[in-house]
PDB file of all heavy atoms in Angstrom:
ATOM      1  N   ARG A   1     357.112 -16.141   5.064  1.00  0.00           N
ATOM      2  CA  ARG A   1     356.636 -17.474   4.662  1.00  0.00           C
ATOM      3  C   ARG A   1     355.162 -17.680   5.028  1.00  0.00           C
ATOM      4  O   ARG A   1     354.373 -18.284   4.266  1.00  0.00           O
ATOM      5  CB  ARG A   1     357.501 -18.543   5.314  1.00  0.00           C
ATOM      6  CG  ARG A   1     358.897 -18.615   4.718  1.00  0.00           C
ATOM      7  CD  ARG A   1     359.726 -19.665   5.397  1.00  0.00           C
ATOM      8  NE  ARG A   1     361.069 -19.703   4.831  1.00  0.00           N
ATOM      9  CZ  ARG A   1     362.032 -20.525   5.251  1.00  0.00           C
ATOM     10  NH1 ARG A   1     361.763 -21.362   6.276  1.00  0.00           N
ATOM     11  NH2 ARG A   1     363.220 -20.512   4.700  1.00  0.00           N
ATOM     12  N   ARG A   2     354.764 -17.217   6.266  1.00  0.00           N
ATOM     13  CA  ARG A   2     353.356 -17.368   6.662  1.00  0.00           C
ATOM     14  C   ARG A   2     352.448 -16.557   5.733  1.00  0.00           C
ATOM     15  O   ARG A   2     351.331 -16.986   5.386  1.00  0.00           O
ATOM     16  CB  ARG A   2     353.179 -16.904   8.116  1.00  0.00           C
ATOM     17  CG  ARG A   2     353.804 -17.865   9.110  1.00  0.00           C
ATOM     18  CD  ARG A   2     353.549 -17.432  10.530  1.00  0.00           C
ATOM     19  NE  ARG A   2     352.125 -17.528  10.833  1.00  0.00           N
ATOM     20  CZ  ARG A   2     351.586 -17.139  11.987  1.00  0.00           C
ATOM     21  NH1 ARG A   2     352.347 -16.606  12.937  1.00  0.00           N
ATOM     22  NH2 ARG A   2     350.283 -17.270  12.179  1.00  0.00           N
ATOM     23  N   LEU A   3     352.974 -15.365   5.348  1.00  0.00           N
ATOM     24  CA  LEU A   3     352.175 -14.581   4.415  1.00  0.00           C
ATOM     25  C   LEU A   3     352.021 -15.314   3.081  1.00  0.00           C
ATOM     26  O   LEU A   3     350.919 -15.348   2.501  1.00  0.00           O
ATOM     27  CB  LEU A   3     352.840 -13.211   4.214  1.00  0.00           C
ATOM     28  CG  LEU A   3     352.108 -12.233   3.282  1.00  0.00           C
ATOM     29  CD1 LEU A   3     350.702 -11.923   3.838  1.00  0.00           C
ATOM     30  CD2 LEU A   3     352.917 -10.946   3.149  1.00  0.00           C
ATOM     31  N   ASP A   4     353.115 -15.911   2.622  1.00  0.00           N
ATOM     32  CA  ASP A   4     353.034 -16.685   1.380  1.00  0.00           C
ATOM     33  C   ASP A   4     352.090 -17.893   1.533  1.00  0.00           C
ATOM     34  O   ASP A   4     351.282 -18.223   0.632  1.00  0.00           O
ATOM     35  CB  ASP A   4     354.417 -17.166   0.967  1.00  0.00           C
ATOM     36  CG  ASP A   4     355.312 -16.007   0.598  1.00  0.00           C
ATOM     37  OD1 ASP A   4     354.773 -14.931   0.206  1.00  0.00           O
ATOM     38  OD2 ASP A   4     356.579 -16.138   0.698  1.00  0.00           O
ATOM     39  N   ALA A   5     352.165 -18.565   2.732  1.00  0.00           N
ATOM     40  CA  ALA A   5     351.314 -19.735   2.961  1.00  0.00           C
ATOM     41  C   ALA A   5     349.852 -19.333   2.990  1.00  0.00           C
ATOM     42  O   ALA A   5     348.970 -20.024   2.452  1.00  0.00           O
ATOM     43  CB  ALA A   5     351.715 -20.415   4.279  1.00  0.00           C
ATOM     44  N   PHE A   6     349.578 -18.182   3.651  1.00  0.00           N
ATOM     45  CA  PHE A   6     348.201 -17.721   3.717  1.00  0.00           C
ATOM     46  C   PHE A   6     347.660 -17.381   2.332  1.00  0.00           C
ATOM     47  O   PHE A   6     346.516 -17.711   1.981  1.00  0.00           O
ATOM     48  CB  PHE A   6     348.128 -16.508   4.652  1.00  0.00           C
ATOM     49  CG  PHE A   6     346.732 -15.986   4.836  1.00  0.00           C
ATOM     50  CD1 PHE A   6     345.791 -16.687   5.604  1.00  0.00           C
ATOM     51  CD2 PHE A   6     346.333 -14.797   4.214  1.00  0.00           C
ATOM     52  CE1 PHE A   6     344.512 -16.193   5.752  1.00  0.00           C
ATOM     53  CE2 PHE A   6     345.051 -14.326   4.376  1.00  0.00           C
ATOM     54  CZ  PHE A   6     344.133 -15.009   5.150  1.00  0.00           C
ATOM     55  N   SER A   7     348.504 -16.759   1.544  1.00  0.00           N
ATOM     56  CA  SER A   7     348.063 -16.430   0.174  1.00  0.00           C
ATOM     57  C   SER A   7     347.854 -17.705  -0.640  1.00  0.00           C
ATOM     58  O   SER A   7     346.863 -17.828  -1.392  1.00  0.00           O
ATOM     59  CB  SER A   7     349.101 -15.527  -0.504  1.00  0.00           C
ATOM     60  OG  SER A   7     350.325 -16.207  -0.584  1.00  0.00           O
ATOM     61  N   HIS A   8     348.751 -18.718  -0.470  1.00  0.00           N
ATOM     62  CA  HIS A   8     348.577 -19.998  -1.174  1.00  0.00           C
ATOM     63  C   HIS A   8     347.305 -20.730  -0.711  1.00  0.00           C
ATOM     64  O   HIS A   8     346.620 -21.379  -1.490  1.00  0.00           O
ATOM     65  CB  HIS A   8     349.812 -20.887  -0.971  1.00  0.00           C
ATOM     66  CG  HIS A   8     350.980 -20.444  -1.774  1.00  0.00           C
ATOM     67  ND1 HIS A   8     350.976 -20.434  -3.162  1.00  0.00           N
ATOM     68  CD2 HIS A   8     352.224 -20.004  -1.395  1.00  0.00           C
ATOM     69  CE1 HIS A   8     352.120 -20.005  -3.600  1.00  0.00           C
ATOM     70  NE2 HIS A   8     352.923 -19.724  -2.538  1.00  0.00           N
ATOM     71  N   LYS A   9     347.007 -20.628   0.614  1.00  0.00           N
ATOM     72  CA  LYS A   9     345.806 -21.303   1.139  1.00  0.00           C
ATOM     73  C   LYS A   9     344.548 -20.719   0.534  1.00  0.00           C
ATOM     74  O   LYS A   9     343.603 -21.428   0.155  1.00  0.00           O
ATOM     75  CB  LYS A   9     345.801 -21.170   2.665  1.00  0.00           C
ATOM     76  CG  LYS A   9     344.690 -21.982   3.311  1.00  0.00           C
ATOM     77  CD  LYS A   9     344.808 -21.878   4.820  1.00  0.00           C
ATOM     78  CE  LYS A   9     343.694 -22.739   5.461  1.00  0.00           C
ATOM     79  NZ  LYS A   9     343.752 -22.636   6.932  1.00  0.00           N
ATOM     80  N   GLN A  10     344.528 -19.366   0.435  1.00  0.00           N
ATOM     81  CA  GLN A  10     343.356 -18.747  -0.193  1.00  0.00           C
ATOM     82  C   GLN A  10     343.217 -19.212  -1.648  1.00  0.00           C
ATOM     83  O   GLN A  10     342.111 -19.505  -2.125  1.00  0.00           O
ATOM     84  CB  GLN A  10     343.481 -17.223  -0.117  1.00  0.00           C
ATOM     85  CG  GLN A  10     343.281 -16.652   1.272  1.00  0.00           C
ATOM     86  CD  GLN A  10     343.409 -15.141   1.301  1.00  0.00           C
ATOM     87  OE1 GLN A  10     343.790 -14.540   0.278  1.00  0.00           O
ATOM     88  NE2 GLN A  10     343.051 -14.543   2.444  1.00  0.00           N
ATOM     89  N   LEU A  11     344.331 -19.251  -2.323  1.00  0.00           N
ATOM     90  CA  LEU A  11     344.292 -19.714  -3.724  1.00  0.00           C
ATOM     91  C   LEU A  11     343.809 -21.165  -3.814  1.00  0.00           C
ATOM     92  O   LEU A  11     343.017 -21.544  -4.708  1.00  0.00           O
ATOM     93  CB  LEU A  11     345.682 -19.575  -4.360  1.00  0.00           C
ATOM     94  CG  LEU A  11     346.149 -18.129  -4.615  1.00  0.00           C
ATOM     95  CD1 LEU A  11     347.592 -18.151  -5.074  1.00  0.00           C
ATOM     96  CD2 LEU A  11     345.270 -17.463  -5.673  1.00  0.00           C
ATOM     97  N   SER A  12     344.266 -21.995  -2.859  1.00  0.00           N
ATOM     98  CA  SER A  12     343.842 -23.434  -2.904  1.00  0.00           C
ATOM     99  C   SER A  12     342.341 -23.589  -2.625  1.00  0.00           C
ATOM    100  O   SER A  12     341.660 -24.398  -3.233  1.00  0.00           O
ATOM    101  CB  SER A  12     344.670 -24.227  -1.903  1.00  0.00           C
ATOM    102  OG  SER A  12     344.407 -23.760  -0.576  1.00  0.00           O
ATOM    103  N   ASP A  13     341.858 -22.759  -1.661  1.00  0.00           N
ATOM    104  CA  ASP A  13     340.421 -22.811  -1.368  1.00  0.00           C
ATOM    105  C   ASP A  13     339.593 -22.411  -2.600  1.00  0.00           C
ATOM    106  O   ASP A  13     338.574 -23.029  -2.931  1.00  0.00           O
ATOM    107  CB  ASP A  13     340.091 -21.896  -0.178  1.00  0.00           C
ATOM    108  CG  ASP A  13     340.680 -22.418   1.106  1.00  0.00           C
ATOM    109  OD1 ASP A  13     340.947 -23.657   1.186  1.00  0.00           O
ATOM    110  OD2 ASP A  13     340.922 -21.614   2.062  1.00  0.00           O
ATOM    111  N   GLN A  14     340.075 -21.358  -3.234  1.00  0.00           N
ATOM    112  CA  GLN A  14     339.366 -20.902  -4.426  1.00  0.00           C
ATOM    113  C   GLN A  14     339.424 -21.975  -5.518  1.00  0.00           C
ATOM    114  O   GLN A  14     338.420 -22.231  -6.228  1.00  0.00           O
ATOM    115  CB  GLN A  14     339.973 -19.596  -4.937  1.00  0.00           C
ATOM    116  CG  GLN A  14     339.726 -18.407  -4.029  1.00  0.00           C
ATOM    117  CD  GLN A  14     340.412 -17.151  -4.525  1.00  0.00           C
ATOM    118  OE1 GLN A  14     341.074 -17.198  -5.584  1.00  0.00           O
ATOM    119  NE2 GLN A  14     340.218 -16.050  -3.783  1.00  0.00           N
ATOM    120  N   THR A  15     340.550 -22.619  -5.663  1.00  0.00           N
ATOM    121  CA  THR A  15     340.681 -23.672  -6.703  1.00  0.00           C
ATOM    122  C   THR A  15     339.826 -24.885  -6.391  1.00  0.00           C
ATOM    123  O   THR A  15     339.249 -25.525  -7.280  1.00  0.00           O
ATOM    124  CB  THR A  15     342.165 -24.074  -6.814  1.00  0.00           C
ATOM    125  OG1 THR A  15     342.660 -24.460  -5.513  1.00  0.00           O
ATOM    126  CG2 THR A  15     343.000 -22.943  -7.375  1.00  0.00           C
ATOM    127  N   GLU A  16     339.732 -25.236  -5.059  1.00  0.00           N
ATOM    128  CA  GLU A  16     338.883 -26.384  -4.690  1.00  0.00           C
ATOM    129  C   GLU A  16     337.398 -26.087  -5.008  1.00  0.00           C
ATOM    130  O   GLU A  16     336.656 -26.930  -5.508  1.00  0.00           O
ATOM    131  CB  GLU A  16     339.058 -26.704  -3.210  1.00  0.00           C
ATOM    132  CG  GLU A  16     340.393 -27.374  -2.914  1.00  0.00           C
ATOM    133  CD  GLU A  16     340.567 -27.626  -1.432  1.00  0.00           C
ATOM    134  OE1 GLU A  16     339.675 -27.221  -0.629  1.00  0.00           O
ATOM    135  OE2 GLU A  16     341.625 -28.201  -1.043  1.00  0.00           O
ATOM    136  N   ALA A  17     336.988 -24.867  -4.660  1.00  0.00           N
ATOM    137  CA  ALA A  17     335.596 -24.508  -4.935  1.00  0.00           C
ATOM    138  C   ALA A  17     335.332 -24.521  -6.439  1.00  0.00           C
ATOM    139  O   ALA A  17     334.297 -25.011  -6.914  1.00  0.00           O
ATOM    140  CB  ALA A  17     335.287 -23.123  -4.358  1.00  0.00           C
ATOM    141  N   HIS A  18     336.293 -24.027  -7.133  1.00  0.00           N
ATOM    142  CA  HIS A  18     336.152 -24.011  -8.569  1.00  0.00           C
ATOM    143  C   HIS A  18     336.172 -25.428  -9.134  1.00  0.00           C
ATOM    144  O   HIS A  18     335.463 -25.734 -10.087  1.00  0.00           O
ATOM    145  CB  HIS A  18     337.282 -23.150  -9.181  1.00  0.00           C
ATOM    146  CG  HIS A  18     337.160 -22.996 -10.649  1.00  0.00           C
ATOM    147  ND1 HIS A  18     336.103 -22.326 -11.265  1.00  0.00           N
ATOM    148  CD2 HIS A  18     337.926 -23.477 -11.694  1.00  0.00           C
ATOM    149  CE1 HIS A  18     336.227 -22.351 -12.549  1.00  0.00           C
ATOM    150  NE2 HIS A  18     337.363 -23.072 -12.881  1.00  0.00           N
ATOM    151  N   ALA A  19     336.970 -26.311  -8.495  1.00  0.00           N
ATOM    152  CA  ALA A  19     337.054 -27.696  -8.954  1.00  0.00           C
ATOM    153  C   ALA A  19     335.745 -28.436  -8.684  1.00  0.00           C
ATOM    154  O   ALA A  19     335.288 -29.248  -9.499  1.00  0.00           O
ATOM    155  CB  ALA A  19     338.211 -28.399  -8.259  1.00  0.00           C
ATOM    156  N   GLU A  20     335.182 -28.185  -7.507  1.00  0.00           N
ATOM    157  CA  GLU A  20     333.902 -28.836  -7.210  1.00  0.00           C
ATOM    158  C   GLU A  20     332.826 -28.413  -8.211  1.00  0.00           C
ATOM    159  O   GLU A  20     331.998 -29.202  -8.627  1.00  0.00           O
ATOM    160  CB  GLU A  20     333.457 -28.487  -5.782  1.00  0.00           C
ATOM    161  CG  GLU A  20     334.334 -29.165  -4.733  1.00  0.00           C
ATOM    162  CD  GLU A  20     333.922 -28.761  -3.334  1.00  0.00           C
ATOM    163  OE1 GLU A  20     333.021 -27.899  -3.195  1.00  0.00           O
ATOM    164  OE2 GLU A  20     334.541 -29.267  -2.354  1.00  0.00           O
ATOM    165  N   GLU A  21     332.858 -27.147  -8.555  1.00  0.00           N
ATOM    166  CA  GLU A  21     331.885 -26.699  -9.541  1.00  0.00           C
ATOM    167  C   GLU A  21     332.139 -27.372 -10.890  1.00  0.00           C
ATOM    168  O   GLU A  21     331.201 -27.759 -11.586  1.00  0.00           O
ATOM    169  CB  GLU A  21     331.960 -25.174  -9.708  1.00  0.00           C
ATOM    170  CG  GLU A  21     331.471 -24.410  -8.493  1.00  0.00           C
ATOM    171  CD  GLU A  21     331.624 -22.928  -8.659  1.00  0.00           C
ATOM    172  OE1 GLU A  21     332.169 -22.474  -9.723  1.00  0.00           O
ATOM    173  OE2 GLU A  21     331.232 -22.156  -7.740  1.00  0.00           O
ATOM    174  N   LEU A  22     333.425 -27.510 -11.222  1.00  0.00           N
ATOM    175  CA  LEU A  22     333.761 -28.113 -12.497  1.00  0.00           C
ATOM    176  C   LEU A  22     333.494 -29.617 -12.497  1.00  0.00           C
ATOM    177  O   LEU A  22     333.186 -30.219 -13.535  1.00  0.00           O
ATOM    178  CB  LEU A  22     335.224 -27.854 -12.859  1.00  0.00           C
ATOM    179  CG  LEU A  22     335.597 -26.385 -13.191  1.00  0.00           C
ATOM    180  CD1 LEU A  22     337.085 -26.279 -13.389  1.00  0.00           C
ATOM    181  CD2 LEU A  22     334.850 -25.963 -14.461  1.00  0.00           C
ATOM    182  N   MET A  23     333.642 -30.241 -11.291  1.00  0.00           N
ATOM    183  CA  MET A  23     333.413 -31.694 -11.212  1.00  0.00           C
ATOM    184  C   MET A  23     331.955 -32.050 -11.547  1.00  0.00           C
ATOM    185  O   MET A  23     331.641 -33.105 -12.092  1.00  0.00           O
ATOM    186  CB  MET A  23     333.753 -32.210  -9.808  1.00  0.00           C
ATOM    187  CG  MET A  23     335.270 -32.318  -9.557  1.00  0.00           C
ATOM    188  SD  MET A  23     335.625 -32.789  -7.893  1.00  0.00           S
ATOM    189  CE  MET A  23     334.955 -34.470  -7.951  1.00  0.00           C
ATOM    190  N   SER A  24     331.127 -31.206 -11.157  1.00  0.00           N
ATOM    191  CA  SER A  24     329.723 -31.480 -11.471  1.00  0.00           C
ATOM    192  C   SER A  24     329.418 -31.282 -12.953  1.00  0.00           C
ATOM    193  O   SER A  24     328.453 -31.809 -13.455  1.00  0.00           O
ATOM    194  CB  SER A  24     328.818 -30.569 -10.627  1.00  0.00           C
ATOM    195  OG  SER A  24     329.092 -29.215 -10.947  1.00  0.00           O
ATOM    196  N   THR A  25     330.209 -30.534 -13.594  1.00  0.00           N
ATOM    197  CA  THR A  25     329.931 -30.187 -14.974  1.00  0.00           C
ATOM    198  C   THR A  25     330.888 -30.865 -15.956  1.00  0.00           C
ATOM    199  O   THR A  25     330.510 -31.168 -17.068  1.00  0.00           O
ATOM    200  CB  THR A  25     330.041 -28.653 -15.158  1.00  0.00           C
ATOM    201  OG1 THR A  25     331.316 -28.223 -14.758  1.00  0.00           O
ATOM    202  CG2 THR A  25     328.954 -27.959 -14.375  1.00  0.00           C
ATOM    203  N   ASP A  26     332.144 -31.061 -15.542  1.00  0.00           N
ATOM    204  CA  ASP A  26     333.150 -31.575 -16.495  1.00  0.00           C
ATOM    205  C   ASP A  26     333.148 -33.082 -16.492  1.00  0.00           C
ATOM    206  O   ASP A  26     332.519 -33.723 -15.648  1.00  0.00           O
ATOM    207  CB  ASP A  26     334.545 -31.067 -16.133  1.00  0.00           C
ATOM    208  CG  ASP A  26     334.628 -29.563 -16.360  1.00  0.00           C
ATOM    209  OD1 ASP A  26     333.821 -29.003 -17.133  1.00  0.00           O
ATOM    210  OD2 ASP A  26     335.544 -28.903 -15.743  1.00  0.00           O
ATOM    211  N   THR A  27     333.948 -33.622 -17.362  1.00  0.00           N
ATOM    212  CA  THR A  27     334.071 -35.068 -17.527  1.00  0.00           C
ATOM    213  C   THR A  27     335.230 -35.600 -16.730  1.00  0.00           C
ATOM    214  O   THR A  27     335.899 -34.880 -15.994  1.00  0.00           O
ATOM    215  CB  THR A  27     334.295 -35.365 -19.024  1.00  0.00           C
ATOM    216  OG1 THR A  27     335.470 -34.697 -19.414  1.00  0.00           O
ATOM    217  CG2 THR A  27     333.084 -34.956 -19.862  1.00  0.00           C
ATOM    218  N   ALA A  28     335.436 -36.973 -16.930  1.00  0.00           N
ATOM    219  CA  ALA A  28     336.508 -37.655 -16.182  1.00  0.00           C
ATOM    220  C   ALA A  28     337.896 -37.101 -16.472  1.00  0.00           C
ATOM    221  O   ALA A  28     338.703 -36.971 -15.575  1.00  0.00           O
ATOM    222  CB  ALA A  28     336.445 -39.148 -16.524  1.00  0.00           C
ATOM    223  N   PRO A  29     338.217 -36.765 -17.729  1.00  0.00           N
ATOM    224  CA  PRO A  29     339.563 -36.206 -17.945  1.00  0.00           C
ATOM    225  C   PRO A  29     339.812 -34.947 -17.131  1.00  0.00           C
ATOM    226  O   PRO A  29     340.906 -34.689 -16.640  1.00  0.00           O
ATOM    227  CB  PRO A  29     339.586 -35.885 -19.449  1.00  0.00           C
ATOM    228  CG  PRO A  29     338.633 -36.865 -20.027  1.00  0.00           C
ATOM    229  CD  PRO A  29     337.540 -37.020 -19.054  1.00  0.00           C
ATOM    230  N   GLN A  30     338.780 -34.245 -16.964  1.00  0.00           N
ATOM    231  CA  GLN A  30     338.940 -33.041 -16.137  1.00  0.00           C
ATOM    232  C   GLN A  30     339.218 -33.422 -14.686  1.00  0.00           C
ATOM    233  O   GLN A  30     339.942 -32.726 -13.960  1.00  0.00           O
ATOM    234  CB  GLN A  30     337.676 -32.184 -16.236  1.00  0.00           C
ATOM    235  CG  GLN A  30     337.487 -31.581 -17.626  1.00  0.00           C
ATOM    236  CD  GLN A  30     336.216 -30.777 -17.747  1.00  0.00           C
ATOM    237  OE1 GLN A  30     335.376 -30.810 -16.802  1.00  0.00           O
ATOM    238  NE2 GLN A  30     336.006 -30.103 -18.873  1.00  0.00           N
ATOM    239  N   LEU A  31     338.542 -34.546 -14.248  1.00  0.00           N
ATOM    240  CA  LEU A  31     338.787 -35.008 -12.881  1.00  0.00           C
ATOM    241  C   LEU A  31     340.241 -35.416 -12.699  1.00  0.00           C
ATOM    242  O   LEU A  31     340.838 -35.177 -11.638  1.00  0.00           O
ATOM    243  CB  LEU A  31     337.874 -36.193 -12.574  1.00  0.00           C
ATOM    244  CG  LEU A  31     336.359 -35.863 -12.436  1.00  0.00           C
ATOM    245  CD1 LEU A  31     335.542 -37.168 -12.316  1.00  0.00           C
ATOM    246  CD2 LEU A  31     336.105 -34.987 -11.246  1.00  0.00           C
TER     247      LEU A  31
END
């Protein structure tokens, strides 16, 4: 489970970074 959680955390970090990049560029529907 910890291995799964660690893998999910890395994925979430990557998605947040990607979201921040998209927030600056995308519109409200994307938000």
